[in-house]
Amino acid sequence: TIHNIPEGMAIGVAVASASMGNSLISATAVLALGIGLQNLPEGAAV
């Protein structure tokens, strides 16, 4: 749970950044995809 908190925060900050015109929505999607891919082995590691 401690490990996952910054990952969730990173997604939230990326969404906020996209909404303010500082980044693309696609960048948020890529970040979510990357975190999702690393969560596959992480789920198994739990």
PDB file of all heavy atoms in Angstrom:
ATOM      1  N   THR A   1       0.829  -1.202   0.000  1.00  0.00           N
ATOM      2  CA  THR A   1       0.000   0.000   0.000  1.00  0.00           C
ATOM      3  C   THR A   1       0.867   1.256   0.000  1.00  0.00           C
ATOM      4  O   THR A   1       0.621   2.208  -0.751  1.00  0.00           O
ATOM      5  CB  THR A   1      -0.925   0.009   1.227  1.00  0.00           C
ATOM      6  OG1 THR A   1      -1.790  -1.132   1.177  1.00  0.00           O
ATOM      7  CG2 THR A   1      -1.780   1.274   1.252  1.00  0.00           C
ATOM      8  N   ILE A   2       1.916   1.267   0.834  1.00  0.00           N
ATOM      9  CA  ILE A   2       2.850   2.387   0.859  1.00  0.00           C
ATOM     10  C   ILE A   2       3.475   2.576  -0.519  1.00  0.00           C
ATOM     11  O   ILE A   2       3.603   3.687  -1.027  1.00  0.00           O
ATOM     12  CB  ILE A   2       3.940   2.151   1.917  1.00  0.00           C
ATOM     13  CG1 ILE A   2       3.333   2.192   3.321  1.00  0.00           C
ATOM     14  CG2 ILE A   2       5.058   3.193   1.800  1.00  0.00           C
ATOM     15  CD1 ILE A   2       4.300   1.784   4.412  1.00  0.00           C
ATOM     16  N   HIS A   3       3.843   1.462  -1.136  1.00  0.00           N
ATOM     17  CA  HIS A   3       4.459   1.449  -2.466  1.00  0.00           C
ATOM     18  C   HIS A   3       3.521   2.063  -3.503  1.00  0.00           C
ATOM     19  O   HIS A   3       3.948   2.798  -4.401  1.00  0.00           O
ATOM     20  CB  HIS A   3       4.771  -0.016  -2.793  1.00  0.00           C
ATOM     21  CG  HIS A   3       5.342  -0.247  -4.154  1.00  0.00           C
ATOM     22  ND1 HIS A   3       6.223  -1.267  -4.403  1.00  0.00           N
ATOM     23  CD2 HIS A   3       5.158   0.367  -5.350  1.00  0.00           C
ATOM     24  CE1 HIS A   3       6.557  -1.260  -5.678  1.00  0.00           C
ATOM     25  NE2 HIS A   3       5.923  -0.285  -6.275  1.00  0.00           N
ATOM     26  N   ASN A   4       2.215   1.792  -3.397  1.00  0.00           N
ATOM     27  CA  ASN A   4       1.265   2.207  -4.424  1.00  0.00           C
ATOM     28  C   ASN A   4       0.792   3.646  -4.291  1.00  0.00           C
ATOM     29  O   ASN A   4       0.257   4.210  -5.250  1.00  0.00           O
ATOM     30  CB  ASN A   4       0.042   1.272  -4.413  1.00  0.00           C
ATOM     31  CG  ASN A   4       0.350  -0.081  -5.015  1.00  0.00           C
ATOM     32  OD1 ASN A   4       1.257  -0.217  -5.827  1.00  0.00           O
ATOM     33  ND2 ASN A   4      -0.392  -1.096  -4.619  1.00  0.00           N
ATOM     34  N   ILE A   5       0.957   4.250  -3.130  1.00  0.00           N
ATOM     35  CA  ILE A   5       0.492   5.626  -2.943  1.00  0.00           C
ATOM     36  C   ILE A   5       1.123   6.585  -3.951  1.00  0.00           C
ATOM     37  O   ILE A   5       0.397   7.351  -4.616  1.00  0.00           O
ATOM     38  CB  ILE A   5       0.739   6.091  -1.493  1.00  0.00           C
ATOM     39  CG1 ILE A   5      -0.229   5.376  -0.545  1.00  0.00           C
ATOM     40  CG2 ILE A   5       0.569   7.603  -1.378  1.00  0.00           C
ATOM     41  CD1 ILE A   5       0.039   5.657   0.921  1.00  0.00           C
ATOM     42  N   PRO A   6       2.460   6.606  -4.108  1.00  0.00           N
ATOM     43  CA  PRO A   6       3.028   7.554  -5.077  1.00  0.00           C
ATOM     44  C   PRO A   6       2.623   7.264  -6.520  1.00  0.00           C
ATOM     45  O   PRO A   6       2.572   8.192  -7.340  1.00  0.00           O
ATOM     46  CB  PRO A   6       4.543   7.400  -4.886  1.00  0.00           C
ATOM     47  CG  PRO A   6       4.731   6.085  -4.219  1.00  0.00           C
ATOM     48  CD  PRO A   6       3.513   5.895  -3.367  1.00  0.00           C
ATOM     49  N   GLU A   7       2.319   6.017  -6.842  1.00  0.00           N
ATOM     50  CA  GLU A   7       1.868   5.710  -8.194  1.00  0.00           C
ATOM     51  C   GLU A   7       0.507   6.341  -8.464  1.00  0.00           C
ATOM     52  O   GLU A   7       0.264   6.928  -9.525  1.00  0.00           O
ATOM     53  CB  GLU A   7       1.814   4.195  -8.393  1.00  0.00           C
ATOM     54  CG  GLU A   7       3.178   3.522  -8.298  1.00  0.00           C
ATOM     55  CD  GLU A   7       3.082   2.009  -8.355  1.00  0.00           C
ATOM     56  OE1 GLU A   7       2.038   1.501  -8.797  1.00  0.00           O
ATOM     57  OE2 GLU A   7       4.049   1.338  -7.951  1.00  0.00           O
ATOM     58  N   GLY A   8      -0.409   6.217  -7.501  1.00  0.00           N
ATOM     59  CA  GLY A   8      -1.710   6.860  -7.647  1.00  0.00           C
ATOM     60  C   GLY A   8      -1.591   8.370  -7.700  1.00  0.00           C
ATOM     61  O   GLY A   8      -2.268   9.036  -8.504  1.00  0.00           O
ATOM     62  N   MET A   9      -0.710   8.923  -6.857  1.00  0.00           N
ATOM     63  CA  MET A   9      -0.490  10.372  -6.877  1.00  0.00           C
ATOM     64  C   MET A   9       0.059  10.822  -8.229  1.00  0.00           C
ATOM     65  O   MET A   9      -0.331  11.876  -8.739  1.00  0.00           O
ATOM     66  CB  MET A   9       0.484  10.759  -5.764  1.00  0.00           C
ATOM     67  CG  MET A   9      -0.060  10.602  -4.361  1.00  0.00           C
ATOM     68  SD  MET A   9       1.183  10.989  -3.104  1.00  0.00           S
ATOM     69  CE  MET A   9       1.523  12.701  -3.497  1.00  0.00           C
ATOM     70  N   ALA A  10       0.962  10.032  -8.798  1.00  0.00           N
ATOM     71  CA  ALA A  10       1.548  10.383 -10.094  1.00  0.00           C
ATOM     72  C   ALA A  10       0.472  10.468 -11.169  1.00  0.00           C
ATOM     73  O   ALA A  10       0.479  11.387 -12.007  1.00  0.00           O
ATOM     74  CB  ALA A  10       2.610   9.357 -10.481  1.00  0.00           C
ATOM     75  N   ILE A  11      -0.469   9.541 -11.145  1.00  0.00           N
ATOM     76  CA  ILE A  11      -1.563   9.571 -12.124  1.00  0.00           C
ATOM     77  C   ILE A  11      -2.419  10.814 -11.923  1.00  0.00           C
ATOM     78  O   ILE A  11      -2.784  11.509 -12.877  1.00  0.00           O
ATOM     79  CB  ILE A  11      -2.420   8.298 -12.005  1.00  0.00           C
ATOM     80  CG1 ILE A  11      -1.608   7.075 -12.461  1.00  0.00           C
ATOM     81  CG2 ILE A  11      -3.700   8.417 -12.838  1.00  0.00           C
ATOM     82  CD1 ILE A  11      -2.307   5.753 -12.211  1.00  0.00           C
ATOM     83  N   GLY A  12      -2.751  11.111 -10.662  1.00  0.00           N
ATOM     84  CA  GLY A  12      -3.564  12.286 -10.377  1.00  0.00           C
ATOM     85  C   GLY A  12      -2.892  13.579 -10.813  1.00  0.00           C
ATOM     86  O   GLY A  12      -3.528  14.466 -11.408  1.00  0.00           O
ATOM     87  N   VAL A  13      -1.595  13.701 -10.548  1.00  0.00           N
ATOM     88  CA  VAL A  13      -0.858  14.897 -10.942  1.00  0.00           C
ATOM     89  C   VAL A  13      -0.786  14.997 -12.460  1.00  0.00           C
ATOM     90  O   VAL A  13      -0.881  16.093 -13.032  1.00  0.00           O
ATOM     91  CB  VAL A  13       0.557  14.886 -10.324  1.00  0.00           C
ATOM     92  CG1 VAL A  13       1.380  16.045 -10.857  1.00  0.00           C
ATOM     93  CG2 VAL A  13       0.475  14.983  -8.805  1.00  0.00           C
ATOM     94  N   ALA A  14      -0.622  13.857 -13.133  1.00  0.00           N
ATOM     95  CA  ALA A  14      -0.570  13.867 -14.599  1.00  0.00           C
ATOM     96  C   ALA A  14      -1.899  14.329 -15.190  1.00  0.00           C
ATOM     97  O   ALA A  14      -1.930  15.093 -16.165  1.00  0.00           O
ATOM     98  CB  ALA A  14      -0.214  12.474 -15.115  1.00  0.00           C
ATOM     99  N   VAL A  15      -3.005  13.881 -14.605  1.00  0.00           N
ATOM    100  CA  VAL A  15      -4.325  14.328 -15.063  1.00  0.00           C
ATOM    101  C   VAL A  15      -4.479  15.829 -14.847  1.00  0.00           C
ATOM    102  O   VAL A  15      -4.958  16.557 -15.729  1.00  0.00           O
ATOM    103  CB  VAL A  15      -5.448  13.558 -14.326  1.00  0.00           C
ATOM    104  CG1 VAL A  15      -6.820  14.162 -14.653  1.00  0.00           C
ATOM    105  CG2 VAL A  15      -5.433  12.091 -14.712  1.00  0.00           C
ATOM    106  N   ALA A  16      -4.084  16.308 -13.671  1.00  0.00           N
ATOM    107  CA  ALA A  16      -4.168  17.737 -13.381  1.00  0.00           C
ATOM    108  C   ALA A  16      -3.310  18.541 -14.353  1.00  0.00           C
ATOM    109  O   ALA A  16      -3.724  19.610 -14.832  1.00  0.00           O
ATOM    110  CB  ALA A  16      -3.733  18.000 -11.942  1.00  0.00           C
ATOM    111  N   SER A  17      -2.122  18.030 -14.665  1.00  0.00           N
ATOM    112  CA  SER A  17      -1.230  18.716 -15.592  1.00  0.00           C
ATOM    113  C   SER A  17      -1.849  18.799 -16.983  1.00  0.00           C
ATOM    114  O   SER A  17      -1.787  19.836 -17.648  1.00  0.00           O
ATOM    115  CB  SER A  17       0.113  17.988 -15.665  1.00  0.00           C
ATOM    116  OG  SER A  17       0.995  18.619 -16.567  1.00  0.00           O
ATOM    117  N   ALA A  18      -2.466  17.711 -17.429  1.00  0.00           N
ATOM    118  CA  ALA A  18      -3.105  17.694 -18.749  1.00  0.00           C
ATOM    119  C   ALA A  18      -4.267  18.682 -18.798  1.00  0.00           C
ATOM    120  O   ALA A  18      -4.482  19.366 -19.804  1.00  0.00           O
ATOM    121  CB  ALA A  18      -3.583  16.285 -19.077  1.00  0.00           C
ATOM    122  N   SER A  19      -5.016  18.769 -17.702  1.00  0.00           N
ATOM    123  CA  SER A  19      -6.178  19.663 -17.673  1.00  0.00           C
ATOM    124  C   SER A  19      -5.772  21.123 -17.716  1.00  0.00           C
ATOM    125  O   SER A  19      -6.548  21.989 -18.115  1.00  0.00           O
ATOM    126  CB  SER A  19      -7.007  19.397 -16.413  1.00  0.00           C
ATOM    127  OG  SER A  19      -6.340  19.859 -15.254  1.00  0.00           O
ATOM    128  N   MET A  20      -4.538  21.424 -17.292  1.00  0.00           N
ATOM    129  CA  MET A  20      -4.049  22.807 -17.274  1.00  0.00           C
ATOM    130  C   MET A  20      -3.246  23.146 -18.519  1.00  0.00           C
ATOM    131  O   MET A  20      -2.622  24.206 -18.603  1.00  0.00           O
ATOM    132  CB  MET A  20      -3.187  23.038 -16.024  1.00  0.00           C
ATOM    133  CG  MET A  20      -3.943  22.854 -14.730  1.00  0.00           C
ATOM    134  SD  MET A  20      -2.835  22.837 -13.301  1.00  0.00           S
ATOM    135  CE  MET A  20      -3.902  22.116 -12.053  1.00  0.00           C
ATOM    136  N   GLY A  21      -3.207  22.210 -19.471  1.00  0.00           N
ATOM    137  CA  GLY A  21      -2.521  22.465 -20.724  1.00  0.00           C
ATOM    138  C   GLY A  21      -1.026  22.316 -20.670  1.00  0.00           C
ATOM    139  O   GLY A  21      -0.326  22.725 -21.594  1.00  0.00           O
ATOM    140  N   ASN A  22      -0.510  21.708 -19.586  1.00  0.00           N
ATOM    141  CA  ASN A  22       0.936  21.543 -19.457  1.00  0.00           C
ATOM    142  C   ASN A  22       1.442  20.233 -20.067  1.00  0.00           C
ATOM    143  O   ASN A  22       2.635  20.009 -20.159  1.00  0.00           O
ATOM    144  CB  ASN A  22       1.341  21.607 -17.980  1.00  0.00           C
ATOM    145  CG  ASN A  22       1.147  22.997 -17.409  1.00  0.00           C
ATOM    146  OD1 ASN A  22       1.853  23.920 -17.777  1.00  0.00           O
ATOM    147  ND2 ASN A  22       0.161  23.140 -16.545  1.00  0.00           N
ATOM    148  N   SER A  23       0.551  19.347 -20.417  1.00  0.00           N
ATOM    149  CA  SER A  23       0.947  18.087 -21.052  1.00  0.00           C
ATOM    150  C   SER A  23      -0.238  17.541 -21.824  1.00  0.00           C
ATOM    151  O   SER A  23      -1.364  18.038 -21.694  1.00  0.00           O
ATOM    152  CB  SER A  23       1.407  17.067 -19.998  1.00  0.00           C
ATOM    153  OG  SER A  23       0.338  16.697 -19.157  1.00  0.00           O
ATOM    154  N   LEU A  24       0.003  16.533 -22.615  1.00  0.00           N
ATOM    155  CA  LEU A  24      -1.046  15.920 -23.410  1.00  0.00           C
ATOM    156  C   LEU A  24      -1.792  14.858 -22.617  1.00  0.00           C
ATOM    157  O   LEU A  24      -1.233  14.219 -21.721  1.00  0.00           O
ATOM    158  CB  LEU A  24      -0.447  15.284 -24.664  1.00  0.00           C
ATOM    159  CG  LEU A  24       0.279  16.224 -25.631  1.00  0.00           C
ATOM    160  CD1 LEU A  24       0.937  15.423 -26.741  1.00  0.00           C
ATOM    161  CD2 LEU A  24      -0.685  17.251 -26.200  1.00  0.00           C
ATOM    162  N   ILE A  25      -3.071  14.692 -22.951  1.00  0.00           N
ATOM    163  CA  ILE A  25      -3.839  13.623 -22.320  1.00  0.00           C
ATOM    164  C   ILE A  25      -3.211  12.278 -22.645  1.00  0.00           C
ATOM    165  O   ILE A  25      -3.209  11.354 -21.820  1.00  0.00           O
ATOM    166  CB  ILE A  25      -5.311  13.673 -22.788  1.00  0.00           C
ATOM    167  CG1 ILE A  25      -5.990  14.936 -22.250  1.00  0.00           C
ATOM    168  CG2 ILE A  25      -6.075  12.433 -22.331  1.00  0.00           C
ATOM    169  CD1 ILE A  25      -7.426  15.107 -22.701  1.00  0.00           C
ATOM    170  N   SER A  26      -2.623  12.161 -23.846  1.00  0.00           N
ATOM    171  CA  SER A  26      -1.975  10.903 -24.229  1.00  0.00           C
ATOM    172  C   SER A  26      -0.826  10.573 -23.296  1.00  0.00           C
ATOM    173  O   SER A  26      -0.544   9.403 -23.035  1.00  0.00           O
ATOM    174  CB  SER A  26      -1.466  10.981 -25.672  1.00  0.00           C
ATOM    175  OG  SER A  26      -0.512  12.022 -25.824  1.00  0.00           O
ATOM    176  N   ALA A  27      -0.139  11.594 -22.767  1.00  0.00           N
ATOM    177  CA  ALA A  27       0.956  11.356 -21.830  1.00  0.00           C
ATOM    178  C   ALA A  27       0.437  10.731 -20.546  1.00  0.00           C
ATOM    179  O   ALA A  27       1.087   9.870 -19.945  1.00  0.00           O
ATOM    180  CB  ALA A  27       1.684  12.660 -21.534  1.00  0.00           C
ATOM    181  N   THR A  28      -0.747  11.165 -20.108  1.00  0.00           N
ATOM    182  CA  THR A  28      -1.375  10.569 -18.929  1.00  0.00           C
ATOM    183  C   THR A  28      -1.725   9.116 -19.193  1.00  0.00           C
ATOM    184  O   THR A  28      -1.533   8.252 -18.332  1.00  0.00           O
ATOM    185  CB  THR A  28      -2.651  11.354 -18.551  1.00  0.00           C
ATOM    186  OG1 THR A  28      -2.326  12.731 -18.352  1.00  0.00           O
ATOM    187  CG2 THR A  28      -3.271  10.788 -17.287  1.00  0.00           C
ATOM    188  N   ALA A  29      -2.243   8.853 -20.396  1.00  0.00           N
ATOM    189  CA  ALA A  29      -2.591   7.480 -20.751  1.00  0.00           C
ATOM    190  C   ALA A  29      -1.357   6.588 -20.780  1.00  0.00           C
ATOM    191  O   ALA A  29      -1.398   5.436 -20.331  1.00  0.00           O
ATOM    192  CB  ALA A  29      -3.291   7.454 -22.112  1.00  0.00           C
ATOM    193  N   VAL A  30      -0.238   7.112 -21.282  1.00  0.00           N
ATOM    194  CA  VAL A  30       1.008   6.345 -21.329  1.00  0.00           C
ATOM    195  C   VAL A  30       1.498   6.050 -19.914  1.00  0.00           C
ATOM    196  O   VAL A  30       1.946   4.937 -19.615  1.00  0.00           O
ATOM    197  CB  VAL A  30       2.088   7.101 -22.124  1.00  0.00           C
ATOM    198  CG1 VAL A  30       3.456   6.458 -21.936  1.00  0.00           C
ATOM    199  CG2 VAL A  30       1.722   7.124 -23.608  1.00  0.00           C
ATOM    200  N   LEU A  31       1.410   7.057 -19.028  1.00  0.00           N
ATOM    201  CA  LEU A  31       1.827   6.836 -17.647  1.00  0.00           C
ATOM    202  C   LEU A  31       0.970   5.762 -16.989  1.00  0.00           C
ATOM    203  O   LEU A  31       1.488   4.864 -16.313  1.00  0.00           O
ATOM    204  CB  LEU A  31       1.717   8.141 -16.855  1.00  0.00           C
ATOM    205  CG  LEU A  31       2.041   8.048 -15.361  1.00  0.00           C
ATOM    206  CD1 LEU A  31       3.478   7.605 -15.146  1.00  0.00           C
ATOM    207  CD2 LEU A  31       1.784   9.386 -14.670  1.00  0.00           C
ATOM    208  N   ALA A  32      -0.345   5.829 -17.201  1.00  0.00           N
ATOM    209  CA  ALA A  32      -1.240   4.822 -16.628  1.00  0.00           C
ATOM    210  C   ALA A  32      -0.931   3.444 -17.204  1.00  0.00           C
ATOM    211  O   ALA A  32      -0.953   2.441 -16.477  1.00  0.00           O
ATOM    212  CB  ALA A  32      -2.698   5.195 -16.897  1.00  0.00           C
ATOM    213  N   LEU A  33      -0.633   3.388 -18.507  1.00  0.00           N
ATOM    214  CA  LEU A  33      -0.289   2.111 -19.131  1.00  0.00           C
ATOM    215  C   LEU A  33       0.987   1.549 -18.531  1.00  0.00           C
ATOM    216  O   LEU A  33       1.065   0.350 -18.213  1.00  0.00           O
ATOM    217  CB  LEU A  33      -0.123   2.304 -20.641  1.00  0.00           C
ATOM    218  CG  LEU A  33       0.322   1.070 -21.440  1.00  0.00           C
ATOM    219  CD1 LEU A  33      -0.680  -0.071 -21.274  1.00  0.00           C
ATOM    220  CD2 LEU A  33       0.504   1.427 -22.910  1.00  0.00           C
ATOM    221  N   GLY A  34       1.993   2.400 -18.362  1.00  0.00           N
ATOM    222  CA  GLY A  34       3.252   1.940 -17.784  1.00  0.00           C
ATOM    223  C   GLY A  34       3.087   1.435 -16.369  1.00  0.00           C
ATOM    224  O   GLY A  34       3.588   0.362 -16.012  1.00  0.00           O
ATOM    225  N   ILE A  35       2.370   2.195 -15.539  1.00  0.00           N
ATOM    226  CA  ILE A  35       2.138   1.762 -14.160  1.00  0.00           C
ATOM    227  C   ILE A  35       1.301   0.490 -14.144  1.00  0.00           C
ATOM    228  O   ILE A  35       1.529  -0.422 -13.337  1.00  0.00           O
ATOM    229  CB  ILE A  35       1.458   2.886 -13.357  1.00  0.00           C
ATOM    230  CG1 ILE A  35       2.433   4.051 -13.170  1.00  0.00           C
ATOM    231  CG2 ILE A  35       0.970   2.376 -12.003  1.00  0.00           C
ATOM    232  CD1 ILE A  35       1.836   5.257 -12.464  1.00  0.00           C
ATOM    233  N   GLY A  36       0.333   0.408 -15.057  1.00  0.00           N
ATOM    234  CA  GLY A  36      -0.480  -0.811 -15.136  1.00  0.00           C
ATOM    235  C   GLY A  36       0.358  -2.025 -15.487  1.00  0.00           C
ATOM    236  O   GLY A  36       0.190  -3.100 -14.896  1.00  0.00           O
ATOM    237  N   LEU A  37       1.282  -1.867 -16.426  1.00  0.00           N
ATOM    238  CA  LEU A  37       2.145  -2.988 -16.814  1.00  0.00           C
ATOM    239  C   LEU A  37       3.017  -3.447 -15.648  1.00  0.00           C
ATOM    240  O   LEU A  37       3.214  -4.643 -15.438  1.00  0.00           O
ATOM    241  CB  LEU A  37       3.024  -2.584 -18.000  1.00  0.00           C
ATOM    242  CG  LEU A  37       2.317  -2.436 -19.355  1.00  0.00           C
ATOM    243  CD1 LEU A  37       3.271  -1.896 -20.394  1.00  0.00           C
ATOM    244  CD2 LEU A  37       1.749  -3.787 -19.803  1.00  0.00           C
ATOM    245  N   GLN A  38       3.537  -2.505 -14.873  1.00  0.00           N
ATOM    246  CA  GLN A  38       4.368  -2.917 -13.745  1.00  0.00           C
ATOM    247  C   GLN A  38       3.513  -3.448 -12.598  1.00  0.00           C
ATOM    248  O   GLN A  38       4.002  -4.151 -11.731  1.00  0.00           O
ATOM    249  CB  GLN A  38       5.276  -1.771 -13.299  1.00  0.00           C
ATOM    250  CG  GLN A  38       4.597  -0.610 -12.618  1.00  0.00           C
ATOM    251  CD  GLN A  38       4.669  -0.696 -11.107  1.00  0.00           C
ATOM    252  OE1 GLN A  38       5.480  -1.426 -10.561  1.00  0.00           O
ATOM    253  NE2 GLN A  38       3.802   0.034 -10.446  1.00  0.00           N
ATOM    254  N   ASN A  39       2.211  -3.131 -12.598  1.00  0.00           N
ATOM    255  CA  ASN A  39       1.339  -3.681 -11.568  1.00  0.00           C
ATOM    256  C   ASN A  39       0.996  -5.148 -11.816  1.00  0.00           C
ATOM    257  O   ASN A  39       0.575  -5.845 -10.886  1.00  0.00           O
ATOM    258  CB  ASN A  39       0.042  -2.874 -11.477  1.00  0.00           C
ATOM    259  CG  ASN A  39       0.200  -1.621 -10.654  1.00  0.00           C
ATOM    260  OD1 ASN A  39       1.254  -1.377 -10.071  1.00  0.00           O
ATOM    261  ND2 ASN A  39      -0.843  -0.812 -10.595  1.00  0.00           N
ATOM    262  N   LEU A  40       1.171  -5.606 -13.053  1.00  0.00           N
ATOM    263  CA  LEU A  40       0.917  -7.030 -13.331  1.00  0.00           C
ATOM    264  C   LEU A  40       1.863  -7.918 -12.519  1.00  0.00           C
ATOM    265  O   LEU A  40       1.392  -8.775 -11.750  1.00  0.00           O
ATOM    266  CB  LEU A  40       1.055  -7.294 -14.830  1.00  0.00           C
ATOM    267  CG  LEU A  40      -0.025  -6.689 -15.725  1.00  0.00           C
ATOM    268  CD1 LEU A  40       0.363  -6.829 -17.201  1.00  0.00           C
ATOM    269  CD2 LEU A  40      -1.366  -7.377 -15.475  1.00  0.00           C
ATOM    270  N   PRO A  41       3.180  -7.756 -12.638  1.00  0.00           N
ATOM    271  CA  PRO A  41       4.060  -8.560 -11.794  1.00  0.00           C
ATOM    272  C   PRO A  41       3.975  -8.177 -10.317  1.00  0.00           C
ATOM    273  O   PRO A  41       4.191  -9.005  -9.441  1.00  0.00           O
ATOM    274  CB  PRO A  41       5.459  -8.282 -12.363  1.00  0.00           C
ATOM    275  CG  PRO A  41       5.351  -6.982 -13.058  1.00  0.00           C
ATOM    276  CD  PRO A  41       3.958  -6.931 -13.611  1.00  0.00           C
ATOM    277  N   GLU A  42       3.647  -6.910 -10.045  1.00  0.00           N
ATOM    278  CA  GLU A  42       3.553  -6.483  -8.653  1.00  0.00           C
ATOM    279  C   GLU A  42       2.397  -7.179  -7.941  1.00  0.00           C
ATOM    280  O   GLU A  42       2.501  -7.568  -6.776  1.00  0.00           O
ATOM    281  CB  GLU A  42       3.372  -4.970  -8.584  1.00  0.00           C
ATOM    282  CG  GLU A  42       3.393  -4.411  -7.176  1.00  0.00           C
ATOM    283  CD  GLU A  42       3.296  -2.909  -7.175  1.00  0.00           C
ATOM    284  OE1 GLU A  42       4.325  -2.255  -7.368  1.00  0.00           O
ATOM    285  OE2 GLU A  42       2.171  -2.398  -6.996  1.00  0.00           O
ATOM    286  N   GLY A  43       1.277  -7.340  -8.649  1.00  0.00           N
ATOM    287  CA  GLY A  43       0.146  -8.062  -8.056  1.00  0.00           C
ATOM    288  C   GLY A  43       0.522  -9.487  -7.712  1.00  0.00           C
ATOM    289  O   GLY A  43       0.148 -10.021  -6.655  1.00  0.00           O
ATOM    290  N   ALA A  44       1.291 -10.107  -8.605  1.00  0.00           N
ATOM    291  CA  ALA A  44       1.766 -11.466  -8.344  1.00  0.00           C
ATOM    292  C   ALA A  44       2.728 -11.498  -7.166  1.00  0.00           C
ATOM    293  O   ALA A  44       2.731 -12.444  -6.363  1.00  0.00           O
ATOM    294  CB  ALA A  44       2.446 -12.029  -9.586  1.00  0.00           C
ATOM    295  N   ALA A  45       3.543 -10.437  -7.038  1.00  0.00           N
ATOM    296  CA  ALA A  45       4.516 -10.375  -5.948  1.00  0.00           C
ATOM    297  C   ALA A  45       3.843 -10.223  -4.591  1.00  0.00           C
ATOM    298  O   ALA A  45       4.476 -10.416  -3.561  1.00  0.00           O
ATOM    299  CB  ALA A  45       5.480  -9.217  -6.177  1.00  0.00           C
ATOM    300  N   VAL A  46       2.550  -9.878  -4.587  1.00  0.00           N
ATOM    301  CA  VAL A  46       1.797  -9.807  -3.335  1.00  0.00           C
ATOM    302  C   VAL A  46       1.087 -11.129  -3.054  1.00  0.00           C
ATOM    303  O   VAL A  46       1.176 -11.685  -1.958  1.00  0.00           O
ATOM    304  CB  VAL A  46       0.761  -8.664  -3.389  1.00  0.00           C
ATOM    305  CG1 VAL A  46      -0.017  -8.597  -2.079  1.00  0.00           C
ATOM    306  CG2 VAL A  46       1.440  -7.342  -3.655  1.00  0.00           C
TER     307      VAL A  46
END
